[in-house]
Amino acid sequence: MRISHANRFLLLVICAMFLVYVLSSCCDDSTAFDTPESRFVIVDSGNLAGCQFAVIKDNETGTHYLFIQARYRGGLSLIYNPDGTPYLGETMDGGADHEN
């Protein structure tokens, strides 16, 4: 059975979110992924230059992570501001982002 690219991307995003969940020592009251009350929520996703990406927000800390997948490879990274601090959902000019 062959897995489509979209399903493979979804599987990799779920694996990446699980990895972030495990590595960040989540509390016991966490819920399922990507619901308003869950710890991790996908705030943006799409395709760019042949790569699929997802921006994942940690609702407890406010930090954002970037997950990128291209073919059979992928990576997860913390998103940083220009000054080297973690991106906490603010635009570069200091205003709030447009998340719900």
PDB file of N, CA and C in Angstrom:
ATOM      1  N   MET A   1       0.844  -1.172   0.000  1.00  0.00           N
ATOM      2  CA  MET A   1       0.000   0.000   0.000  1.00  0.00           C
ATOM      3  C   MET A   1       0.893   1.240   0.000  1.00  0.00           C
ATOM      4  N   ARG A   2       0.579   2.191  -0.858  1.00  0.00           N
ATOM      5  CA  ARG A   2       1.376   3.405  -1.000  1.00  0.00           C
ATOM      6  C   ARG A   2       0.671   4.568  -0.304  1.00  0.00           C
ATOM      7  N   ILE A   3       1.415   5.348   0.475  1.00  0.00           N
ATOM      8  CA  ILE A   3       0.865   6.490   1.209  1.00  0.00           C
ATOM      9  C   ILE A   3       1.018   7.742   0.352  1.00  0.00           C
ATOM     10  N   SER A   4      -0.053   8.511   0.212  1.00  0.00           N
ATOM     11  CA  SER A   4      -0.002   9.733  -0.590  1.00  0.00           C
ATOM     12  C   SER A   4       0.862  10.784   0.109  1.00  0.00           C
ATOM     13  N   HIS A   5       1.292  11.791  -0.662  1.00  0.00           N
ATOM     14  CA  HIS A   5       2.123  12.862  -0.097  1.00  0.00           C
ATOM     15  C   HIS A   5       1.376  13.630   0.988  1.00  0.00           C
ATOM     16  N   ALA A   6       0.087  13.884   0.798  1.00  0.00           N
ATOM     17  CA  ALA A   6      -0.694  14.624   1.794  1.00  0.00           C
ATOM     18  C   ALA A   6      -0.800  13.823   3.094  1.00  0.00           C
ATOM     19  N   ASN A   7      -1.050  12.522   2.979  1.00  0.00           N
ATOM     20  CA  ASN A   7      -1.128  11.686   4.180  1.00  0.00           C
ATOM     21  C   ASN A   7       0.220  11.555   4.854  1.00  0.00           C
ATOM     22  N   ARG A   8       1.277  11.495   4.074  1.00  0.00           N
ATOM     23  CA  ARG A   8       2.622  11.411   4.639  1.00  0.00           C
ATOM     24  C   ARG A   8       2.945  12.690   5.402  1.00  0.00           C
ATOM     25  N   PHE A   9       2.578  13.840   4.834  1.00  0.00           N
ATOM     26  CA  PHE A   9       2.805  15.117   5.508  1.00  0.00           C
ATOM     27  C   PHE A   9       2.031  15.179   6.815  1.00  0.00           C
ATOM     28  N   LEU A  10       0.765  14.764   6.785  1.00  0.00           N
ATOM     29  CA  LEU A  10      -0.046  14.760   7.995  1.00  0.00           C
ATOM     30  C   LEU A  10       0.564  13.853   9.056  1.00  0.00           C
ATOM     31  N   LEU A  11       1.024  12.692   8.658  1.00  0.00           N
ATOM     32  CA  LEU A  11       1.670  11.768   9.586  1.00  0.00           C
ATOM     33  C   LEU A  11       2.938  12.382  10.173  1.00  0.00           C
ATOM     34  N   LEU A  12       3.744  13.047   9.351  1.00  0.00           N
ATOM     35  CA  LEU A  12       4.956  13.683   9.849  1.00  0.00           C
ATOM     36  C   LEU A  12       4.642  14.837  10.793  1.00  0.00           C
ATOM     37  N   VAL A  13       3.605  15.611  10.511  1.00  0.00           N
ATOM     38  CA  VAL A  13       3.212  16.704  11.404  1.00  0.00           C
ATOM     39  C   VAL A  13       2.767  16.149  12.748  1.00  0.00           C
ATOM     40  N   ILE A  14       1.985  15.081  12.715  1.00  0.00           N
ATOM     41  CA  ILE A  14       1.536  14.461  13.966  1.00  0.00           C
ATOM     42  C   ILE A  14       2.721  13.923  14.749  1.00  0.00           C
ATOM     43  N   CYS A  15       3.667  13.275  14.049  1.00  0.00           N
ATOM     44  CA  CYS A  15       4.869  12.769  14.724  1.00  0.00           C
ATOM     45  C   CYS A  15       5.691  13.915  15.315  1.00  0.00           C
ATOM     46  N   ALA A  16       5.821  15.007  14.563  1.00  0.00           N
ATOM     47  CA  ALA A  16       6.580  16.155  15.058  1.00  0.00           C
ATOM     48  C   ALA A  16       5.898  16.771  16.272  1.00  0.00           C
ATOM     49  N   MET A  17       4.585  16.880  16.234  1.00  0.00           N
ATOM     50  CA  MET A  17       3.865  17.430  17.371  1.00  0.00           C
ATOM     51  C   MET A  17       4.008  16.514  18.590  1.00  0.00           C
ATOM     52  N   PHE A  18       3.974  15.211  18.361  1.00  0.00           N
ATOM     53  CA  PHE A  18       4.155  14.277  19.464  1.00  0.00           C
ATOM     54  C   PHE A  18       5.559  14.412  20.044  1.00  0.00           C
ATOM     55  N   LEU A  19       6.557  14.563  19.185  1.00  0.00           N
ATOM     56  CA  LEU A  19       7.932  14.739  19.641  1.00  0.00           C
ATOM     57  C   LEU A  19       8.064  16.012  20.478  1.00  0.00           C
ATOM     58  N   VAL A  20       7.486  17.108  20.017  1.00  0.00           N
ATOM     59  CA  VAL A  20       7.514  18.359  20.784  1.00  0.00           C
ATOM     60  C   VAL A  20       6.810  18.155  22.114  1.00  0.00           C
ATOM     61  N   TYR A  21       5.694  17.473  22.087  1.00  0.00           N
ATOM     62  CA  TYR A  21       4.920  17.189  23.294  1.00  0.00           C
ATOM     63  C   TYR A  21       5.754  16.416  24.308  1.00  0.00           C
ATOM     64  N   VAL A  22       6.421  15.367  23.876  1.00  0.00           N
ATOM     65  CA  VAL A  22       7.209  14.534  24.773  1.00  0.00           C
ATOM     66  C   VAL A  22       8.429  15.285  25.296  1.00  0.00           C
ATOM     67  N   LEU A  23       9.134  15.997  24.415  1.00  0.00           N
ATOM     68  CA  LEU A  23      10.360  16.685  24.804  1.00  0.00           C
ATOM     69  C   LEU A  23      10.116  17.903  25.693  1.00  0.00           C
ATOM     70  N   SER A  24       8.926  18.430  25.685  1.00  0.00           N
ATOM     71  CA  SER A  24       8.660  19.635  26.480  1.00  0.00           C
ATOM     72  C   SER A  24       8.034  19.321  27.835  1.00  0.00           C
ATOM     73  N   SER A  25       8.008  18.063  28.240  1.00  0.00           N
ATOM     74  CA  SER A  25       7.509  17.639  29.559  1.00  0.00           C
ATOM     75  C   SER A  25       6.118  18.195  29.836  1.00  0.00           C
ATOM     76  N   CYS A  26       5.192  17.802  29.014  1.00  0.00           N
ATOM     77  CA  CYS A  26       3.819  18.300  29.141  1.00  0.00           C
ATOM     78  C   CYS A  26       3.181  17.865  30.442  1.00  0.00           C
ATOM     79  N   CYS A  27       2.239  18.667  30.889  1.00  0.00           N
ATOM     80  CA  CYS A  27       1.509  18.351  32.108  1.00  0.00           C
ATOM     81  C   CYS A  27       0.456  17.274  31.830  1.00  0.00           C
ATOM     82  N   ASP A  28      -0.122  16.726  32.884  1.00  0.00           N
ATOM     83  CA  ASP A  28      -1.067  15.624  32.767  1.00  0.00           C
ATOM     84  C   ASP A  28      -2.426  16.028  32.217  1.00  0.00           C
ATOM     85  N   ASP A  29      -2.782  17.304  32.276  1.00  0.00           N
ATOM     86  CA  ASP A  29      -4.116  17.707  31.847  1.00  0.00           C
ATOM     87  C   ASP A  29      -4.181  18.097  30.371  1.00  0.00           C
ATOM     88  N   SER A  30      -3.205  17.704  29.580  1.00  0.00           N
ATOM     89  CA  SER A  30      -3.222  18.044  28.153  1.00  0.00           C
ATOM     90  C   SER A  30      -4.312  17.248  27.442  1.00  0.00           C
ATOM     91  N   THR A  31      -4.798  17.802  26.334  1.00  0.00           N
ATOM     92  CA  THR A  31      -5.856  17.164  25.561  1.00  0.00           C
ATOM     93  C   THR A  31      -5.348  16.836  24.180  1.00  0.00           C
ATOM     94  N   ALA A  32      -6.243  16.441  23.302  1.00  0.00           N
ATOM     95  CA  ALA A  32      -5.856  16.069  21.935  1.00  0.00           C
ATOM     96  C   ALA A  32      -5.233  17.264  21.216  1.00  0.00           C
ATOM     97  N   PHE A  33      -4.422  16.976  20.182  1.00  0.00           N
ATOM     98  CA  PHE A  33      -3.757  18.023  19.407  1.00  0.00           C
ATOM     99  C   PHE A  33      -4.756  18.811  18.582  1.00  0.00           C
ATOM    100  N   ASP A  34      -4.404  20.054  18.348  1.00  0.00           N
ATOM    101  CA  ASP A  34      -5.080  20.942  17.406  1.00  0.00           C
ATOM    102  C   ASP A  34      -6.549  21.203  17.731  1.00  0.00           C
ATOM    103  N   THR A  35      -6.878  21.276  19.005  1.00  0.00           N
ATOM    104  CA  THR A  35      -8.180  21.759  19.446  1.00  0.00           C
ATOM    105  C   THR A  35      -7.913  23.043  20.225  1.00  0.00           C
ATOM    106  N   PRO A  36      -8.873  23.931  20.360  1.00  0.00           N
ATOM    107  CA  PRO A  36      -8.619  25.200  21.047  1.00  0.00           C
ATOM    108  C   PRO A  36      -8.047  25.053  22.450  1.00  0.00           C
ATOM    109  N   GLU A  37      -8.405  23.978  23.161  1.00  0.00           N
ATOM    110  CA  GLU A  37      -7.896  23.811  24.520  1.00  0.00           C
ATOM    111  C   GLU A  37      -6.653  22.927  24.598  1.00  0.00           C
ATOM    112  N   SER A  38      -6.120  22.451  23.480  1.00  0.00           N
ATOM    113  CA  SER A  38      -4.936  21.605  23.507  1.00  0.00           C
ATOM    114  C   SER A  38      -3.668  22.444  23.682  1.00  0.00           C
ATOM    115  N   ARG A  39      -2.601  21.794  24.035  1.00  0.00           N
ATOM    116  CA  ARG A  39      -1.344  22.499  24.228  1.00  0.00           C
ATOM    117  C   ARG A  39      -0.758  22.955  22.899  1.00  0.00           C
ATOM    118  N   PHE A  40      -0.782  22.120  21.876  1.00  0.00           N
ATOM    119  CA  PHE A  40      -0.194  22.448  20.578  1.00  0.00           C
ATOM    120  C   PHE A  40      -1.281  22.618  19.532  1.00  0.00           C
ATOM    121  N   VAL A  41      -1.195  23.726  18.776  1.00  0.00           N
ATOM    122  CA  VAL A  41      -2.178  24.033  17.748  1.00  0.00           C
ATOM    123  C   VAL A  41      -1.435  24.423  16.472  1.00  0.00           C
ATOM    124  N   ILE A  42      -1.891  23.917  15.331  1.00  0.00           N
ATOM    125  CA  ILE A  42      -1.320  24.328  14.047  1.00  0.00           C
ATOM    126  C   ILE A  42      -1.949  25.665  13.679  1.00  0.00           C
ATOM    127  N   VAL A  43      -1.133  26.722  13.611  1.00  0.00           N
ATOM    128  CA  VAL A  43      -1.659  28.063  13.329  1.00  0.00           C
ATOM    129  C   VAL A  43      -1.537  28.440  11.865  1.00  0.00           C
ATOM    130  N   ASP A  44      -0.696  27.744  11.110  1.00  0.00           N
ATOM    131  CA  ASP A  44      -0.547  28.008   9.679  1.00  0.00           C
ATOM    132  C   ASP A  44       0.055  26.773   9.035  1.00  0.00           C
ATOM    133  N   SER A  45      -0.289  26.539   7.791  1.00  0.00           N
ATOM    134  CA  SER A  45       0.318  25.443   7.039  1.00  0.00           C
ATOM    135  C   SER A  45       0.149  25.730   5.558  1.00  0.00           C
ATOM    136  N   GLY A  46       0.961  25.069   4.753  1.00  0.00           N
ATOM    137  CA  GLY A  46       0.872  25.270   3.316  1.00  0.00           C
ATOM    138  C   GLY A  46       2.069  24.692   2.594  1.00  0.00           C
ATOM    139  N   ASN A  47       2.235  25.126   1.354  1.00  0.00           N
ATOM    140  CA  ASN A  47       3.345  24.695   0.506  1.00  0.00           C
ATOM    141  C   ASN A  47       4.171  25.911   0.117  1.00  0.00           C
ATOM    142  N   LEU A  48       5.476  25.730   0.091  1.00  0.00           N
ATOM    143  CA  LEU A  48       6.380  26.800  -0.306  1.00  0.00           C
ATOM    144  C   LEU A  48       7.572  26.185  -1.003  1.00  0.00           C
ATOM    145  N   ALA A  49       7.775  26.522  -2.260  1.00  0.00           N
ATOM    146  CA  ALA A  49       8.922  26.044  -3.041  1.00  0.00           C
ATOM    147  C   ALA A  49       9.037  24.517  -3.024  1.00  0.00           C
ATOM    148  N   GLY A  50       7.909  23.826  -3.128  1.00  0.00           N
ATOM    149  CA  GLY A  50       7.929  22.374  -3.170  1.00  0.00           C
ATOM    150  C   GLY A  50       8.024  21.692  -1.821  1.00  0.00           C
ATOM    151  N   CYS A  51       8.022  22.457  -0.748  1.00  0.00           N
ATOM    152  CA  CYS A  51       8.081  21.898   0.604  1.00  0.00           C
ATOM    153  C   CYS A  51       6.763  22.195   1.316  1.00  0.00           C
ATOM    154  N   GLN A  52       6.313  21.250   2.112  1.00  0.00           N
ATOM    155  CA  GLN A  52       5.133  21.476   2.934  1.00  0.00           C
ATOM    156  C   GLN A  52       5.593  21.952   4.303  1.00  0.00           C
ATOM    157  N   PHE A  53       4.843  22.891   4.886  1.00  0.00           N
ATOM    158  CA  PHE A  53       5.237  23.414   6.192  1.00  0.00           C
ATOM    159  C   PHE A  53       4.028  23.538   7.102  1.00  0.00           C
ATOM    160  N   ALA A  54       4.304  23.583   8.400  1.00  0.00           N
ATOM    161  CA  ALA A  54       3.276  23.844   9.402  1.00  0.00           C
ATOM    162  C   ALA A  54       3.920  24.662  10.515  1.00  0.00           C
ATOM    163  N   VAL A  55       3.214  25.686  10.970  1.00  0.00           N
ATOM    164  CA  VAL A  55       3.648  26.466  12.121  1.00  0.00           C
ATOM    165  C   VAL A  55       2.799  25.994  13.300  1.00  0.00           C
ATOM    166  N   ILE A  56       3.471  25.535  14.352  1.00  0.00           N
ATOM    167  CA  ILE A  56       2.809  24.948  15.510  1.00  0.00           C
ATOM    168  C   ILE A  56       3.030  25.863  16.706  1.00  0.00           C
ATOM    169  N   LYS A  57       1.953  26.212  17.398  1.00  0.00           N
ATOM    170  CA  LYS A  57       2.044  27.085  18.572  1.00  0.00           C
ATOM    171  C   LYS A  57       1.866  26.254  19.840  1.00  0.00           C
ATOM    172  N   ASP A  58       2.737  26.492  20.816  1.00  0.00           N
ATOM    173  CA  ASP A  58       2.619  25.887  22.137  1.00  0.00           C
ATOM    174  C   ASP A  58       1.778  26.852  22.976  1.00  0.00           C
ATOM    175  N   ASN A  59       0.563  26.470  23.316  1.00  0.00           N
ATOM    176  CA  ASN A  59      -0.335  27.369  24.046  1.00  0.00           C
ATOM    177  C   ASN A  59       0.111  27.657  25.468  1.00  0.00           C
ATOM    178  N   GLU A  60       0.927  26.801  26.067  1.00  0.00           N
ATOM    179  CA  GLU A  60       1.401  27.061  27.436  1.00  0.00           C
ATOM    180  C   GLU A  60       2.509  28.096  27.471  1.00  0.00           C
ATOM    181  N   THR A  61       3.450  28.011  26.536  1.00  0.00           N
ATOM    182  CA  THR A  61       4.590  28.925  26.548  1.00  0.00           C
ATOM    183  C   THR A  61       4.463  30.050  25.537  1.00  0.00           C
ATOM    184  N   GLY A  62       3.598  29.882  24.538  1.00  0.00           N
ATOM    185  CA  GLY A  62       3.440  30.890  23.491  1.00  0.00           C
ATOM    186  C   GLY A  62       4.461  30.771  22.372  1.00  0.00           C
ATOM    187  N   THR A  63       5.419  29.868  22.498  1.00  0.00           N
ATOM    188  CA  THR A  63       6.442  29.725  21.466  1.00  0.00           C
ATOM    189  C   THR A  63       5.870  29.062  20.225  1.00  0.00           C
ATOM    190  N   HIS A  64       6.486  29.373  19.086  1.00  0.00           N
ATOM    191  CA  HIS A  64       6.062  28.829  17.799  1.00  0.00           C
ATOM    192  C   HIS A  64       7.181  27.959  17.227  1.00  0.00           C
ATOM    193  N   TYR A  65       6.784  26.865  16.589  1.00  0.00           N
ATOM    194  CA  TYR A  65       7.720  25.937  15.961  1.00  0.00           C
ATOM    195  C   TYR A  65       7.393  25.833  14.485  1.00  0.00           C
ATOM    196  N   LEU A  66       8.410  25.614  13.665  1.00  0.00           N
ATOM    197  CA  LEU A  66       8.226  25.429  12.231  1.00  0.00           C
ATOM    198  C   LEU A  66       8.579  23.997  11.889  1.00  0.00           C
ATOM    199  N   PHE A  67       7.642  23.297  11.262  1.00  0.00           N
ATOM    200  CA  PHE A  67       7.892  21.949  10.771  1.00  0.00           C
ATOM    201  C   PHE A  67       7.869  22.004   9.254  1.00  0.00           C
ATOM    202  N   ILE A  68       8.926  21.487   8.618  1.00  0.00           N
ATOM    203  CA  ILE A  68       9.029  21.462   7.161  1.00  0.00           C
ATOM    204  C   ILE A  68       9.241  20.030   6.714  1.00  0.00           C
ATOM    205  N   GLN A  69       8.540  19.650   5.630  1.00  0.00           N
ATOM    206  CA  GLN A  69       8.685  18.309   5.072  1.00  0.00           C
ATOM    207  C   GLN A  69       8.844  18.425   3.566  1.00  0.00           C
ATOM    208  N   ALA A  70       9.866  17.757   3.042  1.00  0.00           N
ATOM    209  CA  ALA A  70      10.094  17.695   1.609  1.00  0.00           C
ATOM    210  C   ALA A  70      10.499  16.267   1.258  1.00  0.00           C
ATOM    211  N   ARG A  71       9.696  15.646   0.434  1.00  0.00           N
ATOM    212  CA  ARG A  71       9.882  14.233   0.067  1.00  0.00           C
ATOM    213  C   ARG A  71       9.923  13.364   1.309  1.00  0.00           C
ATOM    214  N   TYR A  72      11.036  12.710   1.590  1.00  0.00           N
ATOM    215  CA  TYR A  72      11.127  11.797   2.723  1.00  0.00           C
ATOM    216  C   TYR A  72      11.872  12.396   3.906  1.00  0.00           C
ATOM    217  N   ARG A  73      12.086  13.695   3.890  1.00  0.00           N
ATOM    218  CA  ARG A  73      12.832  14.353   4.963  1.00  0.00           C
ATOM    219  C   ARG A  73      11.972  15.436   5.590  1.00  0.00           C
ATOM    220  N   GLY A  74      12.256  15.717   6.848  1.00  0.00           N
ATOM    221  CA  GLY A  74      11.529  16.766   7.536  1.00  0.00           C
ATOM    222  C   GLY A  74      12.351  17.307   8.679  1.00  0.00           C
ATOM    223  N   GLY A  75      11.933  18.413   9.210  1.00  0.00           N
ATOM    224  CA  GLY A  75      12.646  19.008  10.334  1.00  0.00           C
ATOM    225  C   GLY A  75      11.731  19.879  11.165  1.00  0.00           C
ATOM    226  N   LEU A  76      12.058  20.005  12.429  1.00  0.00           N
ATOM    227  CA  LEU A  76      11.300  20.810  13.369  1.00  0.00           C
ATOM    228  C   LEU A  76      12.253  21.778  14.040  1.00  0.00           C
ATOM    229  N   SER A  77      11.867  23.061  14.090  1.00  0.00           N
ATOM    230  CA  SER A  77      12.737  24.075  14.682  1.00  0.00           C
ATOM    231  C   SER A  77      11.903  25.116  15.409  1.00  0.00           C
ATOM    232  N   LEU A  78      12.463  25.642  16.461  1.00  0.00           N
ATOM    233  CA  LEU A  78      11.877  26.781  17.156  1.00  0.00           C
ATOM    234  C   LEU A  78      12.009  27.995  16.246  1.00  0.00           C
ATOM    235  N   ILE A  79      10.996  28.855  16.214  1.00  0.00           N
ATOM    236  CA  ILE A  79      11.069  30.078  15.417  1.00  0.00           C
ATOM    237  C   ILE A  79      11.616  31.181  16.319  1.00  0.00           C
ATOM    238  N   TYR A  80      12.623  31.896  15.816  1.00  0.00           N
ATOM    239  CA  TYR A  80      13.293  32.946  16.589  1.00  0.00           C
ATOM    240  C   TYR A  80      12.999  34.326  16.024  1.00  0.00           C
ATOM    241  N   ASN A  81      12.999  35.322  16.891  1.00  0.00           N
ATOM    242  CA  ASN A  81      12.954  36.726  16.490  1.00  0.00           C
ATOM    243  C   ASN A  81      14.337  37.129  16.000  1.00  0.00           C
ATOM    244  N   PRO A  82      14.458  38.289  15.319  1.00  0.00           N
ATOM    245  CA  PRO A  82      15.781  38.740  14.858  1.00  0.00           C
ATOM    246  C   PRO A  82      16.800  38.912  15.981  1.00  0.00           C
ATOM    247  N   ASP A  83      16.338  39.200  17.210  1.00  0.00           N
ATOM    248  CA  ASP A  83      17.278  39.380  18.314  1.00  0.00           C
ATOM    249  C   ASP A  83      17.663  38.060  18.999  1.00  0.00           C
ATOM    250  N   GLY A  84      17.158  36.923  18.488  1.00  0.00           N
ATOM    251  CA  GLY A  84      17.536  35.617  19.020  1.00  0.00           C
ATOM    252  C   GLY A  84      16.618  35.069  20.090  1.00  0.00           C
ATOM    253  N   THR A  85      15.585  35.819  20.467  1.00  0.00           N
ATOM    254  CA  THR A  85      14.631  35.329  21.443  1.00  0.00           C
ATOM    255  C   THR A  85      13.556  34.506  20.739  1.00  0.00           C
ATOM    256  N   PRO A  86      12.904  33.578  21.445  1.00  0.00           N
ATOM    257  CA  PRO A  86      11.851  32.778  20.811  1.00  0.00           C
ATOM    258  C   PRO A  86      10.683  33.649  20.351  1.00  0.00           C
ATOM    259  N   TYR A  87      10.135  33.316  19.196  1.00  0.00           N
ATOM    260  CA  TYR A  87       8.976  34.016  18.642  1.00  0.00           C
ATOM    261  C   TYR A  87       7.745  33.635  19.466  1.00  0.00           C
ATOM    262  N   LEU A  88       7.045  34.632  20.025  1.00  0.00           N
ATOM    263  CA  LEU A  88       5.902  34.385  20.890  1.00  0.00           C
ATOM    264  C   LEU A  88       4.589  34.854  20.291  1.00  0.00           C
ATOM    265  N   GLY A  89       4.506  34.930  18.973  1.00  0.00           N
ATOM    266  CA  GLY A  89       3.248  35.285  18.337  1.00  0.00           C
ATOM    267  C   GLY A  89       3.059  36.754  18.105  1.00  0.00           C
ATOM    268  N   GLU A  90       4.115  37.513  18.142  1.00  0.00           N
ATOM    269  CA  GLU A  90       4.026  38.926  17.837  1.00  0.00           C
ATOM    270  C   GLU A  90       4.651  39.161  16.475  1.00  0.00           C
ATOM    271  N   THR A  91       4.178  40.189  15.778  1.00  0.00           N
ATOM    272  CA  THR A  91       4.789  40.543  14.513  1.00  0.00           C
ATOM    273  C   THR A  91       6.130  41.208  14.783  1.00  0.00           C
ATOM    274  N   MET A  92       6.939  41.354  13.770  1.00  0.00           N
ATOM    275  CA  MET A  92       8.276  41.930  13.955  1.00  0.00           C
ATOM    276  C   MET A  92       8.227  43.378  14.441  1.00  0.00           C
ATOM    277  N   ASP A  93       7.089  44.080  14.193  1.00  0.00           N
ATOM    278  CA  ASP A  93       6.999  45.462  14.669  1.00  0.00           C
ATOM    279  C   ASP A  93       6.422  45.553  16.076  1.00  0.00           C
ATOM    280  N   GLY A  94       6.184  44.398  16.733  1.00  0.00           N
ATOM    281  CA  GLY A  94       5.732  44.392  18.114  1.00  0.00           C
ATOM    282  C   GLY A  94       4.243  44.264  18.294  1.00  0.00           C
ATOM    283  N   GLY A  95       3.469  44.304  17.201  1.00  0.00           N
ATOM    284  CA  GLY A  95       2.025  44.157  17.309  1.00  0.00           C
ATOM    285  C   GLY A  95       1.631  42.700  17.444  1.00  0.00           C
ATOM    286  N   ALA A  96       0.400  42.477  17.877  1.00  0.00           N
ATOM    287  CA  ALA A  96      -0.088  41.100  18.032  1.00  0.00           C
ATOM    288  C   ALA A  96      -0.352  40.489  16.667  1.00  0.00           C
ATOM    289  N   ASP A  97      -0.185  39.177  16.574  1.00  0.00           N
ATOM    290  CA  ASP A  97      -0.485  38.523  15.316  1.00  0.00           C
ATOM    291  C   ASP A  97      -1.995  38.356  15.181  1.00  0.00           C
ATOM    292  N   HIS A  98      -2.447  37.767  14.093  1.00  0.00           N
ATOM    293  CA  HIS A  98      -3.871  37.707  13.791  1.00  0.00           C
ATOM    294  C   HIS A  98      -4.468  36.332  14.039  1.00  0.00           C
ATOM    295  N   GLU A  99      -4.069  35.675  15.109  1.00  0.00           N
ATOM    296  CA  GLU A  99      -4.616  34.370  15.445  1.00  0.00           C
ATOM    297  C   GLU A  99      -5.918  34.548  16.224  1.00  0.00           C
ATOM    298  N   ASN A 100      -6.745  33.523  16.185  1.00  0.00           N
ATOM    299  CA  ASN A 100      -7.983  33.535  16.979  1.00  0.00           C
ATOM    300  C   ASN A 100      -7.721  32.961  18.336  1.00  0.00           C
TER     301      ASN A 100
END
